[in-house]
PDB file of all heavy atoms in Angstrom:
ATOM      1  N   MET A   1      -1.531   3.373 -10.304  1.00  0.00           N
ATOM      2  CA  MET A   1      -0.085   3.514 -10.086  1.00  0.00           C
ATOM      3  C   MET A   1       0.255   3.544  -8.599  1.00  0.00           C
ATOM      4  O   MET A   1       1.262   2.964  -8.181  1.00  0.00           O
ATOM      5  CB  MET A   1       0.448   4.774 -10.790  1.00  0.00           C
ATOM      6  CG  MET A   1       0.553   4.595 -12.290  1.00  0.00           C
ATOM      7  SD  MET A   1       1.529   5.909 -13.087  1.00  0.00           S
ATOM      8  CE  MET A   1       1.048   5.595 -14.811  1.00  0.00           C
ATOM      9  N   ILE A   2      -0.591   4.189  -7.807  1.00  0.00           N
ATOM     10  CA  ILE A   2      -0.355   4.216  -6.365  1.00  0.00           C
ATOM     11  C   ILE A   2      -0.482   2.806  -5.792  1.00  0.00           C
ATOM     12  O   ILE A   2       0.303   2.391  -4.925  1.00  0.00           O
ATOM     13  CB  ILE A   2      -1.303   5.205  -5.653  1.00  0.00           C
ATOM     14  CG1 ILE A   2      -0.976   6.647  -6.066  1.00  0.00           C
ATOM     15  CG2 ILE A   2      -1.206   5.061  -4.121  1.00  0.00           C
ATOM     16  CD1 ILE A   2      -2.013   7.678  -5.656  1.00  0.00           C
ATOM     17  N   THR A   3      -1.455   2.032  -6.285  1.00  0.00           N
ATOM     18  CA  THR A   3      -1.616   0.640  -5.845  1.00  0.00           C
ATOM     19  C   THR A   3      -0.333  -0.142  -6.084  1.00  0.00           C
ATOM     20  O   THR A   3       0.184  -0.816  -5.178  1.00  0.00           O
ATOM     21  CB  THR A   3      -2.789  -0.034  -6.594  1.00  0.00           C
ATOM     22  OG1 THR A   3      -3.987   0.708  -6.347  1.00  0.00           O
ATOM     23  CG2 THR A   3      -2.991  -1.470  -6.141  1.00  0.00           C
ATOM     24  N   GLY A   4       0.205  -0.031  -7.289  1.00  0.00           N
ATOM     25  CA  GLY A   4       1.459  -0.712  -7.617  1.00  0.00           C
ATOM     26  C   GLY A   4       2.624  -0.201  -6.782  1.00  0.00           C
ATOM     27  O   GLY A   4       3.476  -0.969  -6.331  1.00  0.00           O
ATOM     28  N   GLY A   5       2.603   1.109  -6.548  1.00  0.00           N
ATOM     29  CA  GLY A   5       3.661   1.730  -5.747  1.00  0.00           C
ATOM     30  C   GLY A   5       3.660   1.247  -4.308  1.00  0.00           C
ATOM     31  O   GLY A   5       4.733   0.935  -3.740  1.00  0.00           O
ATOM     32  N   ILE A   6       2.478   1.138  -3.727  1.00  0.00           N
ATOM     33  CA  ILE A   6       2.359   0.662  -2.338  1.00  0.00           C
ATOM     34  C   ILE A   6       2.841  -0.787  -2.242  1.00  0.00           C
ATOM     35  O   ILE A   6       3.600  -1.141  -1.334  1.00  0.00           O
ATOM     36  CB  ILE A   6       0.896   0.772  -1.851  1.00  0.00           C
ATOM     37  CG1 ILE A   6       0.488   2.244  -1.663  1.00  0.00           C
ATOM     38  CG2 ILE A   6       0.701   0.005  -0.540  1.00  0.00           C
ATOM     39  CD1 ILE A   6      -1.014   2.454  -1.408  1.00  0.00           C
ATOM     40  N   LEU A   7       2.407  -1.633  -3.186  1.00  0.00           N
ATOM     41  CA  LEU A   7       2.789  -3.041  -3.159  1.00  0.00           C
ATOM     42  C   LEU A   7       4.305  -3.198  -3.306  1.00  0.00           C
ATOM     43  O   LEU A   7       4.926  -3.979  -2.580  1.00  0.00           O
ATOM     44  CB  LEU A   7       2.074  -3.793  -4.293  1.00  0.00           C
ATOM     45  CG  LEU A   7       0.568  -4.019  -4.065  1.00  0.00           C
ATOM     46  CD1 LEU A   7      -0.118  -4.445  -5.361  1.00  0.00           C
ATOM     47  CD2 LEU A   7       0.304  -5.045  -2.969  1.00  0.00           C
ATOM     48  N   LYS A   8       4.897  -2.441  -4.227  1.00  0.00           N
ATOM     49  CA  LYS A   8       6.345  -2.545  -4.445  1.00  0.00           C
ATOM     50  C   LYS A   8       7.113  -2.033  -3.228  1.00  0.00           C
ATOM     51  O   LYS A   8       8.108  -2.642  -2.814  1.00  0.00           O
ATOM     52  CB  LYS A   8       6.749  -1.769  -5.695  1.00  0.00           C
ATOM     53  CG  LYS A   8       8.184  -2.028  -6.115  1.00  0.00           C
ATOM     54  CD  LYS A   8       8.330  -3.484  -6.581  1.00  0.00           C
ATOM     55  CE  LYS A   8       9.773  -3.887  -6.791  1.00  0.00           C
ATOM     56  NZ  LYS A   8       9.857  -5.270  -7.309  1.00  0.00           N
ATOM     57  N   ALA A   9       6.651  -0.935  -2.658  1.00  0.00           N
ATOM     58  CA  ALA A   9       7.331  -0.354  -1.496  1.00  0.00           C
ATOM     59  C   ALA A   9       7.334  -1.359  -0.333  1.00  0.00           C
ATOM     60  O   ALA A   9       8.349  -1.512   0.364  1.00  0.00           O
ATOM     61  CB  ALA A   9       6.657   0.948  -1.076  1.00  0.00           C
ATOM     62  N   ALA A  10       6.215  -2.053  -0.140  1.00  0.00           N
ATOM     63  CA  ALA A  10       6.144  -3.057   0.925  1.00  0.00           C
ATOM     64  C   ALA A  10       7.070  -4.223   0.614  1.00  0.00           C
ATOM     65  O   ALA A  10       7.769  -4.736   1.511  1.00  0.00           O
ATOM     66  CB  ALA A  10       4.706  -3.540   1.088  1.00  0.00           C
ATOM     67  N   GLU A  11       7.108  -4.629  -0.650  1.00  0.00           N
ATOM     68  CA  GLU A  11       8.008  -5.723  -1.030  1.00  0.00           C
ATOM     69  C   GLU A  11       9.477  -5.351  -0.756  1.00  0.00           C
ATOM     70  O   GLU A  11      10.278  -6.177  -0.322  1.00  0.00           O
ATOM     71  CB  GLU A  11       7.838  -6.040  -2.520  1.00  0.00           C
ATOM     72  CG  GLU A  11       8.715  -7.185  -3.001  1.00  0.00           C
ATOM     73  CD  GLU A  11       8.454  -7.528  -4.470  1.00  0.00           C
ATOM     74  OE1 GLU A  11       8.871  -6.757  -5.357  1.00  0.00           O
ATOM     75  OE2 GLU A  11       7.829  -8.570  -4.719  1.00  0.00           O
ATOM     76  N   LEU A  12       9.802  -4.063  -0.973  1.00  0.00           N
ATOM     77  CA  LEU A  12      11.168  -3.577  -0.754  1.00  0.00           C
ATOM     78  C   LEU A  12      11.424  -3.201   0.714  1.00  0.00           C
ATOM     79  O   LEU A  12      12.480  -2.662   1.043  1.00  0.00           O
ATOM     80  CB  LEU A  12      11.432  -2.353  -1.645  1.00  0.00           C
ATOM     81  CG  LEU A  12      11.470  -2.627  -3.159  1.00  0.00           C
ATOM     82  CD1 LEU A  12      11.470  -1.316  -3.935  1.00  0.00           C
ATOM     83  CD2 LEU A  12      12.679  -3.477  -3.527  1.00  0.00           C
ATOM     84  N   LYS A  13      10.447  -3.475   1.576  1.00  0.00           N
ATOM     85  CA  LYS A  13      10.554  -3.202   3.014  1.00  0.00           C
ATOM     86  C   LYS A  13      10.777  -1.716   3.302  1.00  0.00           C
ATOM     87  O   LYS A  13      11.571  -1.346   4.179  1.00  0.00           O
ATOM     88  CB  LYS A  13      11.638  -4.071   3.657  1.00  0.00           C
ATOM     89  CG  LYS A  13      11.337  -5.569   3.585  1.00  0.00           C
ATOM     90  CD  LYS A  13      12.377  -6.390   4.324  1.00  0.00           C
ATOM     91  CE  LYS A  13      11.900  -7.790   4.645  1.00  0.00           C
ATOM     92  NZ  LYS A  13      11.295  -8.507   3.501  1.00  0.00           N
ATOM     93  N   MET A  14      10.091  -0.877   2.562  1.00  0.00           N
ATOM     94  CA  MET A  14      10.119   0.543   2.805  1.00  0.00           C
ATOM     95  C   MET A  14       8.999   0.878   3.793  1.00  0.00           C
ATOM     96  O   MET A  14       8.008   0.167   3.888  1.00  0.00           O
ATOM     97  CB  MET A  14       9.906   1.322   1.501  1.00  0.00           C
ATOM     98  CG  MET A  14      10.980   1.076   0.459  1.00  0.00           C
ATOM     99  SD  MET A  14      10.548   1.761  -1.178  1.00  0.00           S
ATOM    100  CE  MET A  14      11.010   3.488  -0.936  1.00  0.00           C
ATOM    101  N   THR A  15       9.142   1.995   4.501  1.00  0.00           N
ATOM    102  CA  THR A  15       8.059   2.503   5.328  1.00  0.00           C
ATOM    103  C   THR A  15       7.158   3.312   4.400  1.00  0.00           C
ATOM    104  O   THR A  15       7.609   4.226   3.705  1.00  0.00           O
ATOM    105  CB  THR A  15       8.608   3.389   6.457  1.00  0.00           C
ATOM    106  OG1 THR A  15       9.476   2.588   7.270  1.00  0.00           O
ATOM    107  CG2 THR A  15       7.484   3.948   7.307  1.00  0.00           C
ATOM    108  N   VAL A  16       5.870   2.949   4.378  1.00  0.00           N
ATOM    109  CA  VAL A  16       4.907   3.586   3.480  1.00  0.00           C
ATOM    110  C   VAL A  16       3.978   4.484   4.301  1.00  0.00           C
ATOM    111  O   VAL A  16       3.320   4.019   5.237  1.00  0.00           O
ATOM    112  CB  VAL A  16       4.060   2.523   2.747  1.00  0.00           C
ATOM    113  CG1 VAL A  16       3.093   3.178   1.764  1.00  0.00           C
ATOM    114  CG2 VAL A  16       4.967   1.532   2.000  1.00  0.00           C
ATOM    115  N   ILE A  17       3.944   5.769   3.962  1.00  0.00           N
ATOM    116  CA  ILE A  17       3.070   6.696   4.694  1.00  0.00           C
ATOM    117  C   ILE A  17       1.838   6.946   3.817  1.00  0.00           C
ATOM    118  O   ILE A  17       1.942   7.403   2.685  1.00  0.00           O
ATOM    119  CB  ILE A  17       3.774   8.026   5.031  1.00  0.00           C
ATOM    120  CG1 ILE A  17       5.160   7.741   5.636  1.00  0.00           C
ATOM    121  CG2 ILE A  17       2.928   8.813   6.027  1.00  0.00           C
ATOM    122  CD1 ILE A  17       5.993   8.994   5.873  1.00  0.00           C
ATOM    123  N   ILE A  18       0.680   6.596   4.367  1.00  0.00           N
ATOM    124  CA  ILE A  18      -0.587   6.658   3.615  1.00  0.00           C
ATOM    125  C   ILE A  18      -1.253   8.003   3.848  1.00  0.00           C
ATOM    126  O   ILE A  18      -1.404   8.439   4.983  1.00  0.00           O
ATOM    127  CB  ILE A  18      -1.513   5.507   4.043  1.00  0.00           C
ATOM    128  CG1 ILE A  18      -0.855   4.150   3.747  1.00  0.00           C
ATOM    129  CG2 ILE A  18      -2.868   5.608   3.325  1.00  0.00           C
ATOM    130  CD1 ILE A  18      -0.632   3.817   2.288  1.00  0.00           C
ATOM    131  N   ASP A  19      -1.689   8.640   2.764  1.00  0.00           N
ATOM    132  CA  ASP A  19      -2.321   9.955   2.832  1.00  0.00           C
ATOM    133  C   ASP A  19      -3.830   9.814   3.065  1.00  0.00           C
ATOM    134  O   ASP A  19      -4.253   9.097   3.959  1.00  0.00           O
ATOM    135  CB  ASP A  19      -2.007  10.734   1.556  1.00  0.00           C
ATOM    136  CG  ASP A  19      -2.414  12.213   1.635  1.00  0.00           C
ATOM    137  OD1 ASP A  19      -2.108  12.855   2.650  1.00  0.00           O
ATOM    138  OD2 ASP A  19      -3.005  12.717   0.672  1.00  0.00           O
ATOM    139  N   GLY A  20      -4.632  10.483   2.282  1.00  0.00           N
ATOM    140  CA  GLY A  20      -6.065  10.600   2.545  1.00  0.00           C
ATOM    141  C   GLY A  20      -6.937   9.590   1.840  1.00  0.00           C
ATOM    142  O   GLY A  20      -6.544   8.449   1.578  1.00  0.00           O
ATOM    143  N   PHE A  21      -8.129  10.023   1.494  1.00  0.00           N
ATOM    144  CA  PHE A  21      -9.197   9.166   0.976  1.00  0.00           C
ATOM    145  C   PHE A  21      -8.786   8.451  -0.310  1.00  0.00           C
ATOM    146  O   PHE A  21      -8.997   7.238  -0.442  1.00  0.00           O
ATOM    147  CB  PHE A  21     -10.436  10.057   0.740  1.00  0.00           C
ATOM    148  CG  PHE A  21     -11.675   9.307   0.320  1.00  0.00           C
ATOM    149  CD1 PHE A  21     -12.220   8.322   1.115  1.00  0.00           C
ATOM    150  CD2 PHE A  21     -12.317   9.616  -0.885  1.00  0.00           C
ATOM    151  CE1 PHE A  21     -13.380   7.644   0.742  1.00  0.00           C
ATOM    152  CE2 PHE A  21     -13.472   8.957  -1.267  1.00  0.00           C
ATOM    153  CZ  PHE A  21     -14.005   7.969  -0.463  1.00  0.00           C
ATOM    154  N   ILE A  22      -8.204   9.163  -1.261  1.00  0.00           N
ATOM    155  CA  ILE A  22      -7.876   8.540  -2.567  1.00  0.00           C
ATOM    156  C   ILE A  22      -6.759   7.523  -2.405  1.00  0.00           C
ATOM    157  O   ILE A  22      -6.842   6.400  -2.904  1.00  0.00           O
ATOM    158  CB  ILE A  22      -7.439   9.590  -3.614  1.00  0.00           C
ATOM    159  CG1 ILE A  22      -8.258  10.871  -3.594  1.00  0.00           C
ATOM    160  CG2 ILE A  22      -7.380   8.965  -5.006  1.00  0.00           C
ATOM    161  CD1 ILE A  22      -9.693  10.815  -3.809  1.00  0.00           C
ATOM    162  N   VAL A  23      -5.693   7.920  -1.690  1.00  0.00           N
ATOM    163  CA  VAL A  23      -4.569   6.997  -1.503  1.00  0.00           C
ATOM    164  C   VAL A  23      -5.007   5.779  -0.708  1.00  0.00           C
ATOM    165  O   VAL A  23      -4.588   4.650  -0.990  1.00  0.00           O
ATOM    166  CB  VAL A  23      -3.362   7.715  -0.847  1.00  0.00           C
ATOM    167  CG1 VAL A  23      -2.270   6.725  -0.494  1.00  0.00           C
ATOM    168  CG2 VAL A  23      -2.825   8.807  -1.768  1.00  0.00           C
ATOM    169  N   THR A  24      -5.885   5.978   0.271  1.00  0.00           N
ATOM    170  CA  THR A  24      -6.375   4.839   1.058  1.00  0.00           C
ATOM    171  C   THR A  24      -7.230   3.911   0.193  1.00  0.00           C
ATOM    172  O   THR A  24      -7.244   2.704   0.401  1.00  0.00           O
ATOM    173  CB  THR A  24      -7.138   5.300   2.309  1.00  0.00           C
ATOM    174  OG1 THR A  24      -6.347   6.277   3.010  1.00  0.00           O
ATOM    175  CG2 THR A  24      -7.397   4.135   3.266  1.00  0.00           C
ATOM    176  N   SER A  25      -7.915   4.462  -0.810  1.00  0.00           N
ATOM    177  CA  SER A  25      -8.668   3.583  -1.728  1.00  0.00           C
ATOM    178  C   SER A  25      -7.699   2.701  -2.529  1.00  0.00           C
ATOM    179  O   SER A  25      -7.985   1.528  -2.780  1.00  0.00           O
ATOM    180  CB  SER A  25      -9.577   4.397  -2.679  1.00  0.00           C
ATOM    181  OG  SER A  25      -8.848   4.994  -3.736  1.00  0.00           O
ATOM    182  N   ALA A  26      -6.551   3.254  -2.908  1.00  0.00           N
ATOM    183  CA  ALA A  26      -5.520   2.443  -3.580  1.00  0.00           C
ATOM    184  C   ALA A  26      -4.989   1.374  -2.637  1.00  0.00           C
ATOM    185  O   ALA A  26      -4.740   0.223  -3.031  1.00  0.00           O
ATOM    186  CB  ALA A  26      -4.388   3.338  -4.077  1.00  0.00           C
ATOM    187  N   LEU A  27      -4.845   1.743  -1.358  1.00  0.00           N
ATOM    188  CA  LEU A  27      -4.395   0.759  -0.362  1.00  0.00           C
ATOM    189  C   LEU A  27      -5.426  -0.361  -0.194  1.00  0.00           C
ATOM    190  O   LEU A  27      -5.043  -1.523  -0.007  1.00  0.00           O
ATOM    191  CB  LEU A  27      -4.158   1.442   0.982  1.00  0.00           C
ATOM    192  CG  LEU A  27      -3.795   0.483   2.134  1.00  0.00           C
ATOM    193  CD1 LEU A  27      -2.477  -0.239   1.867  1.00  0.00           C
ATOM    194  CD2 LEU A  27      -3.734   1.222   3.469  1.00  0.00           C
ATOM    195  N   LEU A  28      -6.715  -0.040  -0.276  1.00  0.00           N
ATOM    196  CA  LEU A  28      -7.742  -1.095  -0.183  1.00  0.00           C
ATOM    197  C   LEU A  28      -7.541  -2.141  -1.284  1.00  0.00           C
ATOM    198  O   LEU A  28      -7.674  -3.336  -1.047  1.00  0.00           O
ATOM    199  CB  LEU A  28      -9.155  -0.505  -0.282  1.00  0.00           C
ATOM    200  CG  LEU A  28      -9.655   0.331   0.894  1.00  0.00           C
ATOM    201  CD1 LEU A  28     -11.036   0.913   0.572  1.00  0.00           C
ATOM    202  CD2 LEU A  28      -9.710  -0.470   2.186  1.00  0.00           C
ATOM    203  N   VAL A  29      -7.185  -1.667  -2.483  1.00  0.00           N
ATOM    204  CA  VAL A  29      -6.924  -2.590  -3.595  1.00  0.00           C
ATOM    205  C   VAL A  29      -5.679  -3.419  -3.271  1.00  0.00           C
ATOM    206  O   VAL A  29      -5.687  -4.652  -3.368  1.00  0.00           O
ATOM    207  CB  VAL A  29      -6.696  -1.839  -4.927  1.00  0.00           C
ATOM    208  CG1 VAL A  29      -6.538  -2.833  -6.071  1.00  0.00           C
ATOM    209  CG2 VAL A  29      -7.838  -0.871  -5.241  1.00  0.00           C
ATOM    210  N   ALA A  30      -4.601  -2.730  -2.866  1.00  0.00           N
ATOM    211  CA  ALA A  30      -3.344  -3.414  -2.551  1.00  0.00           C
ATOM    212  C   ALA A  30      -3.542  -4.443  -1.442  1.00  0.00           C
ATOM    213  O   ALA A  30      -3.031  -5.569  -1.503  1.00  0.00           O
ATOM    214  CB  ALA A  30      -2.288  -2.390  -2.154  1.00  0.00           C
ATOM    215  N   HIS A  31      -4.304  -4.059  -0.435  1.00  0.00           N
ATOM    216  CA  HIS A  31      -4.571  -4.931   0.713  1.00  0.00           C
ATOM    217  C   HIS A  31      -5.373  -6.166   0.295  1.00  0.00           C
ATOM    218  O   HIS A  31      -5.139  -7.263   0.796  1.00  0.00           O
ATOM    219  CB  HIS A  31      -5.333  -4.123   1.778  1.00  0.00           C
ATOM    220  CG  HIS A  31      -5.850  -4.925   2.922  1.00  0.00           C
ATOM    221  ND1 HIS A  31      -7.192  -5.210   3.093  1.00  0.00           N
ATOM    222  CD2 HIS A  31      -5.210  -5.516   3.963  1.00  0.00           C
ATOM    223  CE1 HIS A  31      -7.340  -5.948   4.195  1.00  0.00           C
ATOM    224  NE2 HIS A  31      -6.167  -6.127   4.733  1.00  0.00           N
ATOM    225  N   ALA A  32      -6.298  -5.990  -0.635  1.00  0.00           N
ATOM    226  CA  ALA A  32      -7.079  -7.132  -1.134  1.00  0.00           C
ATOM    227  C   ALA A  32      -6.182  -8.104  -1.912  1.00  0.00           C
ATOM    228  O   ALA A  32      -6.431  -9.296  -1.940  1.00  0.00           O
ATOM    229  CB  ALA A  32      -8.236  -6.651  -2.006  1.00  0.00           C
ATOM    230  N   MET A  33      -5.132  -7.556  -2.524  1.00  0.00           N
ATOM    231  CA  MET A  33      -4.194  -8.401  -3.273  1.00  0.00           C
ATOM    232  C   MET A  33      -3.180  -9.060  -2.336  1.00  0.00           C
ATOM    233  O   MET A  33      -2.775 -10.201  -2.550  1.00  0.00           O
ATOM    234  CB  MET A  33      -3.455  -7.570  -4.321  1.00  0.00           C
ATOM    235  CG  MET A  33      -4.348  -7.085  -5.462  1.00  0.00           C
ATOM    236  SD  MET A  33      -3.395  -5.985  -6.574  1.00  0.00           S
ATOM    237  CE  MET A  33      -4.598  -5.737  -7.913  1.00  0.00           C
ATOM    238  N   HIS A  34      -2.732  -8.323  -1.303  1.00  0.00           N
ATOM    239  CA  HIS A  34      -1.716  -8.819  -0.376  1.00  0.00           C
ATOM    240  C   HIS A  34      -1.986  -8.275   1.029  1.00  0.00           C
ATOM    241  O   HIS A  34      -1.669  -7.131   1.313  1.00  0.00           O
ATOM    242  CB  HIS A  34      -0.316  -8.362  -0.815  1.00  0.00           C
ATOM    243  CG  HIS A  34       0.219  -9.105  -1.991  1.00  0.00           C
ATOM    244  ND1 HIS A  34       0.839 -10.326  -1.882  1.00  0.00           N
ATOM    245  CD2 HIS A  34       0.223  -8.796  -3.304  1.00  0.00           C
ATOM    246  CE1 HIS A  34       1.207 -10.739  -3.094  1.00  0.00           C
ATOM    247  NE2 HIS A  34       0.842  -9.829  -3.966  1.00  0.00           N
ATOM    248  N   GLN A  35      -2.507  -9.124   1.902  1.00  0.00           N
ATOM    249  CA  GLN A  35      -2.854  -8.697   3.262  1.00  0.00           C
ATOM    250  C   GLN A  35      -1.679  -8.077   4.011  1.00  0.00           C
ATOM    251  O   GLN A  35      -1.841  -7.132   4.783  1.00  0.00           O
ATOM    252  CB  GLN A  35      -3.375  -9.893   4.076  1.00  0.00           C
ATOM    253  CG  GLN A  35      -4.590 -10.593   3.490  1.00  0.00           C
ATOM    254  CD  GLN A  35      -5.892  -9.859   3.746  1.00  0.00           C
ATOM    255  OE1 GLN A  35      -6.134  -9.393   4.844  1.00  0.00           O
ATOM    256  NE2 GLN A  35      -6.734  -9.759   2.730  1.00  0.00           N
ATOM    257  N   ASN A  36      -0.473  -8.626   3.816  1.00  0.00           N
ATOM    258  CA  ASN A  36       0.689  -8.205   4.612  1.00  0.00           C
ATOM    259  C   ASN A  36       1.117  -6.767   4.364  1.00  0.00           C
ATOM    260  O   ASN A  36       1.935  -6.226   5.092  1.00  0.00           O
ATOM    261  CB  ASN A  36       1.890  -9.129   4.331  1.00  0.00           C
ATOM    262  CG  ASN A  36       1.657 -10.538   4.842  1.00  0.00           C
ATOM    263  OD1 ASN A  36       0.856 -10.752   5.743  1.00  0.00           O
ATOM    264  ND2 ASN A  36       2.340 -11.503   4.260  1.00  0.00           N
ATOM    265  N   VAL A  37       0.572  -6.151   3.339  1.00  0.00           N
ATOM    266  CA  VAL A  37       0.984  -4.784   2.976  1.00  0.00           C
ATOM    267  C   VAL A  37       0.760  -3.810   4.153  1.00  0.00           C
ATOM    268  O   VAL A  37       1.521  -2.855   4.344  1.00  0.00           O
ATOM    269  CB  VAL A  37       0.238  -4.319   1.701  1.00  0.00           C
ATOM    270  CG1 VAL A  37      -1.203  -3.935   1.966  1.00  0.00           C
ATOM    271  CG2 VAL A  37       0.971  -3.148   1.046  1.00  0.00           C
ATOM    272  N   LEU A  38      -0.241  -4.100   4.980  1.00  0.00           N
ATOM    273  CA  LEU A  38      -0.555  -3.177   6.094  1.00  0.00           C
ATOM    274  C   LEU A  38       0.587  -3.073   7.112  1.00  0.00           C
ATOM    275  O   LEU A  38       0.709  -2.036   7.779  1.00  0.00           O
ATOM    276  CB  LEU A  38      -1.823  -3.619   6.819  1.00  0.00           C
ATOM    277  CG  LEU A  38      -3.145  -3.484   6.077  1.00  0.00           C
ATOM    278  CD1 LEU A  38      -4.314  -3.860   6.991  1.00  0.00           C
ATOM    279  CD2 LEU A  38      -3.345  -2.076   5.523  1.00  0.00           C
ATOM    280  N   ASP A  39       1.412  -4.114   7.220  1.00  0.00           N
ATOM    281  CA  ASP A  39       2.527  -4.076   8.166  1.00  0.00           C
ATOM    282  C   ASP A  39       3.466  -2.908   7.901  1.00  0.00           C
ATOM    283  O   ASP A  39       4.139  -2.423   8.810  1.00  0.00           O
ATOM    284  CB  ASP A  39       3.349  -5.380   8.058  1.00  0.00           C
ATOM    285  CG  ASP A  39       2.669  -6.560   8.747  1.00  0.00           C
ATOM    286  OD1 ASP A  39       1.480  -6.451   9.087  1.00  0.00           O
ATOM    287  OD2 ASP A  39       3.346  -7.604   8.920  1.00  0.00           O
ATOM    288  N   TYR A  40       3.514  -2.469   6.652  1.00  0.00           N
ATOM    289  CA  TYR A  40       4.494  -1.454   6.237  1.00  0.00           C
ATOM    290  C   TYR A  40       3.922  -0.038   6.216  1.00  0.00           C
ATOM    291  O   TYR A  40       4.624   0.912   5.903  1.00  0.00           O
ATOM    292  CB  TYR A  40       5.038  -1.816   4.845  1.00  0.00           C
ATOM    293  CG  TYR A  40       5.758  -3.141   4.877  1.00  0.00           C
ATOM    294  CD1 TYR A  40       5.079  -4.348   4.741  1.00  0.00           C
ATOM    295  CD2 TYR A  40       7.128  -3.187   5.131  1.00  0.00           C
ATOM    296  CE1 TYR A  40       5.723  -5.566   4.833  1.00  0.00           C
ATOM    297  CE2 TYR A  40       7.792  -4.406   5.217  1.00  0.00           C
ATOM    298  CZ  TYR A  40       7.087  -5.589   5.072  1.00  0.00           C
ATOM    299  OH  TYR A  40       7.734  -6.796   5.188  1.00  0.00           O
ATOM    300  N   CYS A  41       2.632   0.078   6.544  1.00  0.00           N
ATOM    301  CA  CYS A  41       1.941   1.355   6.404  1.00  0.00           C
ATOM    302  C   CYS A  41       1.799   2.118   7.716  1.00  0.00           C
ATOM    303  O   CYS A  41       1.382   1.555   8.722  1.00  0.00           O
ATOM    304  CB  CYS A  41       0.542   1.141   5.822  1.00  0.00           C
ATOM    305  SG  CYS A  41       0.560   0.442   4.163  1.00  0.00           S
TER     306      CYS A  41
END
């Protein structure tokens, strides 16, 4: 769910604040799906 949340937030041009180890693991998945997601984090 966090993976989907990060991807959607980036699509909506929201500022995404990334927490710790678990949330960053979700970001690794999101990043592998869409490289540009990091611009919003």
